[in-house]
Amino acid sequence: SFIIIPKMNFASRLSKPLILNSNHIINKRFFRTLYNKTINHASKVFHKENIAPVAMFIGGIALIFQVFVLYPCHAELTNQFNQLEASTKLLEYFVNQLNIKMDKVLVEGEEVKAKERNVLDNEDEILRVEKNILLLANELNVKMEPR
């Protein structure tokens, strides 16, 4: 069972209890005093006299964070970067060696193809010579046979 609170001005609303439901009653004055205490405390902490110590405290925390968190991470990242750089150089070396070998294979492949073309040309030449020999032999047979 919910109770609706009618609209009132701000000051009267803070002094009256706020009823969320019948089981929970919350006094707004409690929240107002808590808010005022927080504001008073914050204003004391950041008062002109306390700015330097607060800045030193924040700077000290930042320095501690750098020394104990960022620096070890930085050292580890530097180590990993150096390992990556070394492995990259090794990979580049292997790629260069592979390219050199592939170039040699391609040159040898061209040489083999050139030799195959020469063999095929020689075979064509041999076939032409054999054909001429057979033609000459046929002509001789024709001439030698009596008619």
N, C-alpha and C. Protein backbone atom coordinates (compact mmCIF):
# COMPACT_ATOMS: atom_id res chain seq x y z
N SER A 1 0.84 -1.18 0.00
CA SER A 1 0.00 0.00 0.00
C SER A 1 0.88 1.24 0.00
N PHE A 2 0.83 2.02 -1.08
CA PHE A 2 1.65 3.22 -1.24
C PHE A 2 0.86 4.47 -0.86
N ILE A 3 1.57 5.41 -0.30
CA ILE A 3 0.96 6.69 0.07
C ILE A 3 1.59 7.76 -0.79
N ILE A 4 0.79 8.55 -1.46
CA ILE A 4 1.28 9.64 -2.30
C ILE A 4 1.36 10.89 -1.47
N ILE A 5 2.50 11.55 -1.49
CA ILE A 5 2.70 12.77 -0.72
C ILE A 5 2.30 13.95 -1.59
N PRO A 6 1.45 14.86 -1.10
CA PRO A 6 1.09 16.03 -1.89
C PRO A 6 2.28 16.96 -2.06
N LYS A 7 2.26 17.78 -3.12
CA LYS A 7 3.37 18.70 -3.37
C LYS A 7 3.40 19.77 -2.29
N MET A 8 4.65 20.00 -1.79
CA MET A 8 4.86 21.03 -0.78
C MET A 8 6.11 21.79 -1.18
N ASN A 9 6.40 22.88 -0.48
CA ASN A 9 7.64 23.57 -0.79
C ASN A 9 8.82 22.75 -0.28
N PHE A 10 10.04 23.11 -0.73
CA PHE A 10 11.23 22.29 -0.47
C PHE A 10 11.52 22.16 1.02
N ALA A 11 11.43 23.25 1.77
CA ALA A 11 11.77 23.23 3.20
C ALA A 11 10.81 22.36 3.97
N SER A 12 9.53 22.45 3.67
CA SER A 12 8.57 21.63 4.41
C SER A 12 8.72 20.15 4.03
N ARG A 13 9.09 19.88 2.80
CA ARG A 13 9.28 18.48 2.40
C ARG A 13 10.47 17.85 3.11
N LEU A 14 11.52 18.64 3.35
CA LEU A 14 12.69 18.08 4.02
C LEU A 14 12.42 17.76 5.48
N SER A 15 11.55 18.48 6.10
CA SER A 15 11.29 18.24 7.52
C SER A 15 10.28 17.12 7.75
N LYS A 16 9.48 16.77 6.75
CA LYS A 16 8.46 15.73 6.91
C LYS A 16 9.04 14.38 6.46
N PRO A 17 8.61 13.33 7.06
CA PRO A 17 9.10 12.01 6.65
C PRO A 17 8.55 11.63 5.27
N LEU A 18 9.36 10.92 4.53
CA LEU A 18 8.96 10.42 3.22
C LEU A 18 8.56 8.96 3.40
N ILE A 19 7.36 8.62 2.99
CA ILE A 19 6.87 7.26 3.16
C ILE A 19 6.95 6.58 1.80
N LEU A 20 7.86 5.63 1.70
CA LEU A 20 7.97 4.87 0.45
C LEU A 20 6.90 3.81 0.38
N ASN A 21 6.74 3.05 1.40
CA ASN A 21 5.60 2.16 1.55
C ASN A 21 5.36 2.02 3.06
N SER A 22 4.40 1.26 3.41
CA SER A 22 4.01 1.23 4.83
C SER A 22 5.08 0.60 5.71
N ASN A 23 6.00 -0.15 5.16
CA ASN A 23 7.02 -0.81 5.96
C ASN A 23 8.25 0.06 6.19
N HIS A 24 8.55 1.01 5.26
CA HIS A 24 9.79 1.79 5.35
C HIS A 24 9.46 3.27 5.43
N ILE A 25 9.89 3.88 6.48
CA ILE A 25 9.72 5.32 6.63
C ILE A 25 11.12 5.92 6.66
N ILE A 26 11.40 6.87 5.76
CA ILE A 26 12.73 7.48 5.66
C ILE A 26 12.57 8.97 5.95
N ASN A 27 13.37 9.46 6.83
CA ASN A 27 13.32 10.88 7.19
C ASN A 27 14.25 11.65 6.27
N LYS A 28 13.73 12.63 5.57
CA LYS A 28 14.55 13.42 4.66
C LYS A 28 15.55 14.29 5.40
N ARG A 29 15.26 14.60 6.64
CA ARG A 29 16.18 15.43 7.43
C ARG A 29 17.51 14.71 7.60
N PHE A 30 17.48 13.37 7.69
CA PHE A 30 18.71 12.57 7.80
C PHE A 30 19.59 12.80 6.57
N PHE A 31 18.99 12.75 5.38
CA PHE A 31 19.75 12.95 4.15
C PHE A 31 20.27 14.37 4.04
N ARG A 32 19.48 15.34 4.49
CA ARG A 32 19.92 16.74 4.45
C ARG A 32 21.14 16.93 5.34
N THR A 33 21.12 16.39 6.55
CA THR A 33 22.28 16.56 7.44
C THR A 33 23.49 15.80 6.91
N LEU A 34 23.26 14.63 6.32
CA LEU A 34 24.38 13.87 5.73
C LEU A 34 25.01 14.66 4.59
N TYR A 35 24.16 15.26 3.75
CA TYR A 35 24.65 16.07 2.63
C TYR A 35 25.44 17.27 3.15
N ASN A 36 24.92 17.94 4.15
CA ASN A 36 25.61 19.12 4.70
C ASN A 36 26.95 18.73 5.31
N LYS A 37 27.00 17.60 6.01
CA LYS A 37 28.26 17.16 6.60
C LYS A 37 29.29 16.85 5.51
N THR A 38 28.84 16.21 4.43
CA THR A 38 29.74 15.88 3.32
C THR A 38 30.27 17.14 2.68
N ILE A 39 29.40 18.12 2.43
CA ILE A 39 29.83 19.39 1.83
C ILE A 39 30.80 20.10 2.76
N ASN A 40 30.50 20.13 4.07
CA ASN A 40 31.40 20.79 5.02
C ASN A 40 32.76 20.11 5.05
N HIS A 41 32.76 18.78 5.05
CA HIS A 41 34.03 18.04 5.08
C HIS A 41 34.84 18.30 3.79
N ALA A 42 34.16 18.25 2.63
CA ALA A 42 34.85 18.50 1.37
C ALA A 42 35.40 19.90 1.32
N SER A 43 34.65 20.86 1.82
CA SER A 43 35.16 22.23 1.79
C SER A 43 36.36 22.39 2.72
N LYS A 44 36.39 21.62 3.82
CA LYS A 44 37.55 21.68 4.71
C LYS A 44 38.78 21.03 4.06
N VAL A 45 38.56 19.92 3.36
CA VAL A 45 39.68 19.22 2.73
C VAL A 45 40.29 20.08 1.64
N PHE A 46 39.47 20.71 0.83
CA PHE A 46 39.98 21.51 -0.29
C PHE A 46 40.10 22.99 0.05
N HIS A 47 40.26 23.31 1.32
CA HIS A 47 40.46 24.69 1.73
C HIS A 47 41.83 25.14 1.29
N LYS A 48 42.05 26.45 1.17
CA LYS A 48 43.32 26.99 0.65
C LYS A 48 44.53 26.46 1.40
N GLU A 49 44.39 26.30 2.70
CA GLU A 49 45.53 25.83 3.49
C GLU A 49 45.87 24.37 3.20
N ASN A 50 44.89 23.62 2.74
CA ASN A 50 45.10 22.19 2.53
C ASN A 50 45.39 21.81 1.08
N ILE A 51 45.44 22.78 0.17
CA ILE A 51 45.63 22.45 -1.25
C ILE A 51 47.01 21.81 -1.48
N ALA A 52 48.05 22.36 -0.88
CA ALA A 52 49.40 21.81 -1.09
C ALA A 52 49.52 20.38 -0.55
N PRO A 53 49.08 20.10 0.69
CA PRO A 53 49.18 18.71 1.15
C PRO A 53 48.33 17.75 0.33
N VAL A 54 47.14 18.20 -0.09
CA VAL A 54 46.29 17.33 -0.90
C VAL A 54 46.97 17.06 -2.25
N ALA A 55 47.57 18.10 -2.84
CA ALA A 55 48.29 17.92 -4.11
C ALA A 55 49.48 16.98 -3.92
N MET A 56 50.19 17.12 -2.81
CA MET A 56 51.31 16.22 -2.55
C MET A 56 50.82 14.78 -2.38
N PHE A 57 49.71 14.62 -1.70
CA PHE A 57 49.14 13.28 -1.50
C PHE A 57 48.77 12.65 -2.84
N ILE A 58 48.09 13.42 -3.69
CA ILE A 58 47.69 12.90 -5.00
C ILE A 58 48.92 12.61 -5.85
N GLY A 59 49.92 13.51 -5.82
CA GLY A 59 51.16 13.28 -6.56
C GLY A 59 51.90 12.05 -6.07
N GLY A 60 51.90 11.85 -4.73
CA GLY A 60 52.54 10.66 -4.16
C GLY A 60 51.86 9.38 -4.62
N ILE A 61 50.54 9.40 -4.64
CA ILE A 61 49.81 8.23 -5.11
C ILE A 61 50.13 7.98 -6.58
N ALA A 62 50.20 9.06 -7.37
CA ALA A 62 50.52 8.89 -8.79
C ALA A 62 51.93 8.32 -8.97
N LEU A 63 52.88 8.79 -8.17
CA LEU A 63 54.25 8.29 -8.25
C LEU A 63 54.32 6.82 -7.85
N ILE A 64 53.63 6.47 -6.79
CA ILE A 64 53.61 5.06 -6.36
C ILE A 64 53.01 4.19 -7.45
N PHE A 65 51.93 4.67 -8.09
CA PHE A 65 51.32 3.92 -9.18
C PHE A 65 52.29 3.74 -10.33
N GLN A 66 53.03 4.81 -10.67
CA GLN A 66 54.01 4.70 -11.76
C GLN A 66 55.10 3.70 -11.43
N VAL A 67 55.63 3.79 -10.21
CA VAL A 67 56.78 2.95 -9.85
C VAL A 67 56.39 1.47 -9.73
N PHE A 68 55.25 1.20 -9.10
CA PHE A 68 54.92 -0.19 -8.81
C PHE A 68 53.99 -0.85 -9.84
N VAL A 69 53.35 -0.07 -10.70
CA VAL A 69 52.44 -0.66 -11.68
C VAL A 69 52.94 -0.41 -13.10
N LEU A 70 53.14 0.86 -13.45
CA LEU A 70 53.47 1.19 -14.83
C LEU A 70 54.89 0.78 -15.21
N TYR A 71 55.87 1.00 -14.33
CA TYR A 71 57.24 0.68 -14.68
C TYR A 71 57.45 -0.82 -14.92
N PRO A 72 56.94 -1.72 -14.04
CA PRO A 72 57.10 -3.15 -14.35
C PRO A 72 56.41 -3.53 -15.66
N CYS A 73 55.24 -2.95 -15.90
CA CYS A 73 54.56 -3.23 -17.17
C CYS A 73 55.39 -2.71 -18.34
N HIS A 74 55.99 -1.52 -18.16
CA HIS A 74 56.82 -0.94 -19.22
C HIS A 74 58.03 -1.82 -19.50
N ALA A 75 58.67 -2.32 -18.45
CA ALA A 75 59.83 -3.20 -18.63
C ALA A 75 59.41 -4.49 -19.35
N GLU A 76 58.27 -5.04 -18.96
CA GLU A 76 57.80 -6.26 -19.60
C GLU A 76 57.45 -6.00 -21.07
N LEU A 77 56.80 -4.88 -21.34
CA LEU A 77 56.46 -4.54 -22.72
C LEU A 77 57.72 -4.32 -23.57
N THR A 78 58.73 -3.68 -22.98
CA THR A 78 59.99 -3.47 -23.70
C THR A 78 60.64 -4.80 -24.04
N ASN A 79 60.64 -5.72 -23.09
CA ASN A 79 61.21 -7.05 -23.32
C ASN A 79 60.46 -7.77 -24.43
N GLN A 80 59.13 -7.73 -24.38
CA GLN A 80 58.33 -8.38 -25.42
C GLN A 80 58.55 -7.72 -26.78
N PHE A 81 58.69 -6.39 -26.79
CA PHE A 81 58.95 -5.69 -28.05
C PHE A 81 60.29 -6.11 -28.65
N ASN A 82 61.31 -6.24 -27.80
CA ASN A 82 62.62 -6.67 -28.29
C ASN A 82 62.56 -8.10 -28.85
N GLN A 83 61.82 -8.97 -28.17
CA GLN A 83 61.66 -10.34 -28.68
C GLN A 83 60.93 -10.33 -30.03
N LEU A 84 59.92 -9.50 -30.12
CA LEU A 84 59.17 -9.39 -31.37
C LEU A 84 60.05 -8.86 -32.50
N GLU A 85 60.87 -7.89 -32.17
CA GLU A 85 61.78 -7.33 -33.18
C GLU A 85 62.79 -8.39 -33.65
N ALA A 86 63.33 -9.17 -32.70
CA ALA A 86 64.28 -10.22 -33.07
C ALA A 86 63.61 -11.29 -33.94
N SER A 87 62.40 -11.67 -33.57
CA SER A 87 61.70 -12.69 -34.37
C SER A 87 61.33 -12.13 -35.74
N THR A 88 61.05 -10.83 -35.82
CA THR A 88 60.76 -10.21 -37.11
C THR A 88 61.99 -10.23 -38.01
N LYS A 89 63.15 -9.93 -37.43
CA LYS A 89 64.38 -9.98 -38.22
C LYS A 89 64.67 -11.40 -38.70
N LEU A 90 64.45 -12.37 -37.83
CA LEU A 90 64.65 -13.77 -38.22
C LEU A 90 63.69 -14.17 -39.34
N LEU A 91 62.45 -13.74 -39.22
CA LEU A 91 61.46 -14.02 -40.25
C LEU A 91 61.84 -13.37 -41.58
N GLU A 92 62.33 -12.13 -41.52
CA GLU A 92 62.77 -11.45 -42.74
C GLU A 92 63.93 -12.21 -43.39
N TYR A 93 64.86 -12.72 -42.56
CA TYR A 93 65.99 -13.48 -43.08
C TYR A 93 65.48 -14.73 -43.82
N PHE A 94 64.55 -15.46 -43.17
CA PHE A 94 64.02 -16.67 -43.82
C PHE A 94 63.27 -16.33 -45.10
N VAL A 95 62.54 -15.23 -45.10
CA VAL A 95 61.81 -14.83 -46.31
C VAL A 95 62.80 -14.50 -47.43
N ASN A 96 63.88 -13.81 -47.10
CA ASN A 96 64.90 -13.49 -48.11
C ASN A 96 65.55 -14.76 -48.66
N GLN A 97 65.88 -15.69 -47.77
CA GLN A 97 66.47 -16.95 -48.23
C GLN A 97 65.50 -17.71 -49.11
N LEU A 98 64.24 -17.72 -48.73
CA LEU A 98 63.23 -18.40 -49.53
C LEU A 98 63.08 -17.73 -50.89
N ASN A 99 63.11 -16.41 -50.93
CA ASN A 99 63.02 -15.70 -52.21
C ASN A 99 64.21 -16.01 -53.11
N ILE A 100 65.40 -16.09 -52.51
CA ILE A 100 66.60 -16.44 -53.29
C ILE A 100 66.44 -17.83 -53.89
N LYS A 101 65.99 -18.79 -53.06
CA LYS A 101 65.81 -20.15 -53.57
C LYS A 101 64.73 -20.22 -54.63
N MET A 102 63.65 -19.46 -54.44
CA MET A 102 62.58 -19.45 -55.44
C MET A 102 63.08 -18.86 -56.76
N ASP A 103 63.92 -17.82 -56.67
CA ASP A 103 64.50 -17.24 -57.89
C ASP A 103 65.36 -18.28 -58.62
N LYS A 104 66.17 -19.04 -57.84
CA LYS A 104 66.99 -20.08 -58.46
C LYS A 104 66.12 -21.15 -59.12
N VAL A 105 65.04 -21.53 -58.44
CA VAL A 105 64.14 -22.54 -59.00
C VAL A 105 63.51 -22.02 -60.29
N LEU A 106 63.10 -20.75 -60.29
CA LEU A 106 62.49 -20.18 -61.49
C LEU A 106 63.49 -20.13 -62.64
N VAL A 107 64.75 -19.75 -62.35
CA VAL A 107 65.78 -19.71 -63.40
C VAL A 107 66.03 -21.11 -63.92
N GLU A 108 66.16 -22.08 -63.02
CA GLU A 108 66.37 -23.46 -63.45
C GLU A 108 65.18 -23.97 -64.25
N GLY A 109 63.97 -23.58 -63.84
CA GLY A 109 62.78 -23.98 -64.58
C GLY A 109 62.78 -23.41 -65.99
N GLU A 110 63.22 -22.17 -66.13
CA GLU A 110 63.32 -21.57 -67.47
C GLU A 110 64.36 -22.30 -68.31
N GLU A 111 65.48 -22.65 -67.66
CA GLU A 111 66.52 -23.39 -68.39
C GLU A 111 65.99 -24.75 -68.85
N VAL A 112 65.25 -25.43 -67.99
CA VAL A 112 64.69 -26.74 -68.35
C VAL A 112 63.70 -26.58 -69.49
N LYS A 113 62.87 -25.53 -69.44
CA LYS A 113 61.92 -25.31 -70.53
C LYS A 113 62.64 -25.00 -71.84
N ALA A 114 63.74 -24.26 -71.76
CA ALA A 114 64.52 -23.97 -72.96
C ALA A 114 65.11 -25.26 -73.54
N LYS A 115 65.63 -26.13 -72.67
CA LYS A 115 66.18 -27.41 -73.13
C LYS A 115 65.09 -28.28 -73.73
N GLU A 116 63.91 -28.27 -73.12
CA GLU A 116 62.80 -29.05 -73.68
C GLU A 116 62.43 -28.53 -75.07
N ARG A 117 62.41 -27.19 -75.22
CA ARG A 117 62.13 -26.63 -76.54
C ARG A 117 63.17 -27.05 -77.56
N ASN A 118 64.45 -27.07 -77.14
CA ASN A 118 65.52 -27.52 -78.04
C ASN A 118 65.32 -28.98 -78.42
N VAL A 119 64.97 -29.82 -77.45
CA VAL A 119 64.75 -31.25 -77.73
C VAL A 119 63.59 -31.40 -78.69
N LEU A 120 62.49 -30.66 -78.44
CA LEU A 120 61.34 -30.74 -79.33
C LEU A 120 61.69 -30.25 -80.74
N ASP A 121 62.47 -29.18 -80.81
CA ASP A 121 62.90 -28.69 -82.12
C ASP A 121 63.76 -29.74 -82.82
N ASN A 122 64.67 -30.38 -82.06
CA ASN A 122 65.51 -31.44 -82.63
C ASN A 122 64.66 -32.62 -83.08
N GLU A 123 63.64 -32.97 -82.29
CA GLU A 123 62.75 -34.06 -82.68
C GLU A 123 62.01 -33.72 -83.97
N ASP A 124 61.54 -32.46 -84.05
CA ASP A 124 60.87 -32.03 -85.29
C ASP A 124 61.82 -32.12 -86.48
N GLU A 125 63.06 -31.71 -86.26
CA GLU A 125 64.08 -31.78 -87.32
C GLU A 125 64.33 -33.24 -87.72
N ILE A 126 64.43 -34.12 -86.70
CA ILE A 126 64.64 -35.54 -86.98
C ILE A 126 63.46 -36.11 -87.75
N LEU A 127 62.25 -35.74 -87.38
CA LEU A 127 61.06 -36.21 -88.10
C LEU A 127 61.05 -35.73 -89.55
N ARG A 128 61.47 -34.49 -89.79
CA ARG A 128 61.53 -33.98 -91.15
C ARG A 128 62.57 -34.74 -91.97
N VAL A 129 63.73 -34.99 -91.36
CA VAL A 129 64.78 -35.74 -92.05
C VAL A 129 64.30 -37.16 -92.36
N GLU A 130 63.66 -37.81 -91.39
CA GLU A 130 63.14 -39.16 -91.62
C GLU A 130 62.10 -39.16 -92.73
N LYS A 131 61.26 -38.15 -92.73
CA LYS A 131 60.24 -38.04 -93.77
C LYS A 131 60.88 -37.89 -95.15
N ASN A 132 61.93 -37.05 -95.23
CA ASN A 132 62.65 -36.88 -96.51
C ASN A 132 63.31 -38.18 -96.94
N ILE A 133 63.88 -38.91 -95.96
CA ILE A 133 64.52 -40.18 -96.28
C ILE A 133 63.49 -41.16 -96.83
N LEU A 134 62.33 -41.22 -96.19
CA LEU A 134 61.28 -42.13 -96.65
C LEU A 134 60.78 -41.74 -98.05
N LEU A 135 60.67 -40.44 -98.29
CA LEU A 135 60.26 -39.99 -99.62
C LEU A 135 61.30 -40.39 -100.68
N LEU A 136 62.57 -40.18 -100.33
CA LEU A 136 63.64 -40.57 -101.26
C LEU A 136 63.65 -42.08 -101.47
N ALA A 137 63.43 -42.83 -100.37
CA ALA A 137 63.41 -44.29 -100.49
C ALA A 137 62.25 -44.73 -101.36
N ASN A 138 61.11 -44.09 -101.21
CA ASN A 138 59.95 -44.43 -102.06
C ASN A 138 60.24 -44.11 -103.52
N GLU A 139 60.89 -42.99 -103.77
CA GLU A 139 61.23 -42.64 -105.14
C GLU A 139 62.20 -43.65 -105.73
N LEU A 140 63.18 -44.07 -104.93
CA LEU A 140 64.13 -45.07 -105.41
C LEU A 140 63.45 -46.40 -105.69
N ASN A 141 62.54 -46.80 -104.84
CA ASN A 141 61.80 -48.05 -105.06
C ASN A 141 60.95 -47.96 -106.32
N VAL A 142 60.39 -46.83 -106.50
CA VAL A 142 59.55 -46.67 -107.70
C VAL A 142 60.44 -46.74 -108.93
N LYS A 143 61.61 -46.13 -108.91
CA LYS A 143 62.51 -46.13 -110.05
C LYS A 143 63.11 -47.51 -110.27
N MET A 144 63.35 -48.29 -109.23
CA MET A 144 63.98 -49.58 -109.37
C MET A 144 63.01 -50.66 -109.82
N GLU A 145 61.75 -50.47 -109.56
CA GLU A 145 60.81 -51.51 -109.96
C GLU A 145 60.62 -51.46 -111.46
N PRO A 146 60.70 -52.64 -112.13
CA PRO A 146 60.46 -52.66 -113.59
C PRO A 146 58.99 -52.52 -113.86
N ARG A 147 58.72 -51.82 -114.92
CA ARG A 147 57.33 -51.65 -115.26
C ARG A 147 56.95 -52.49 -116.38
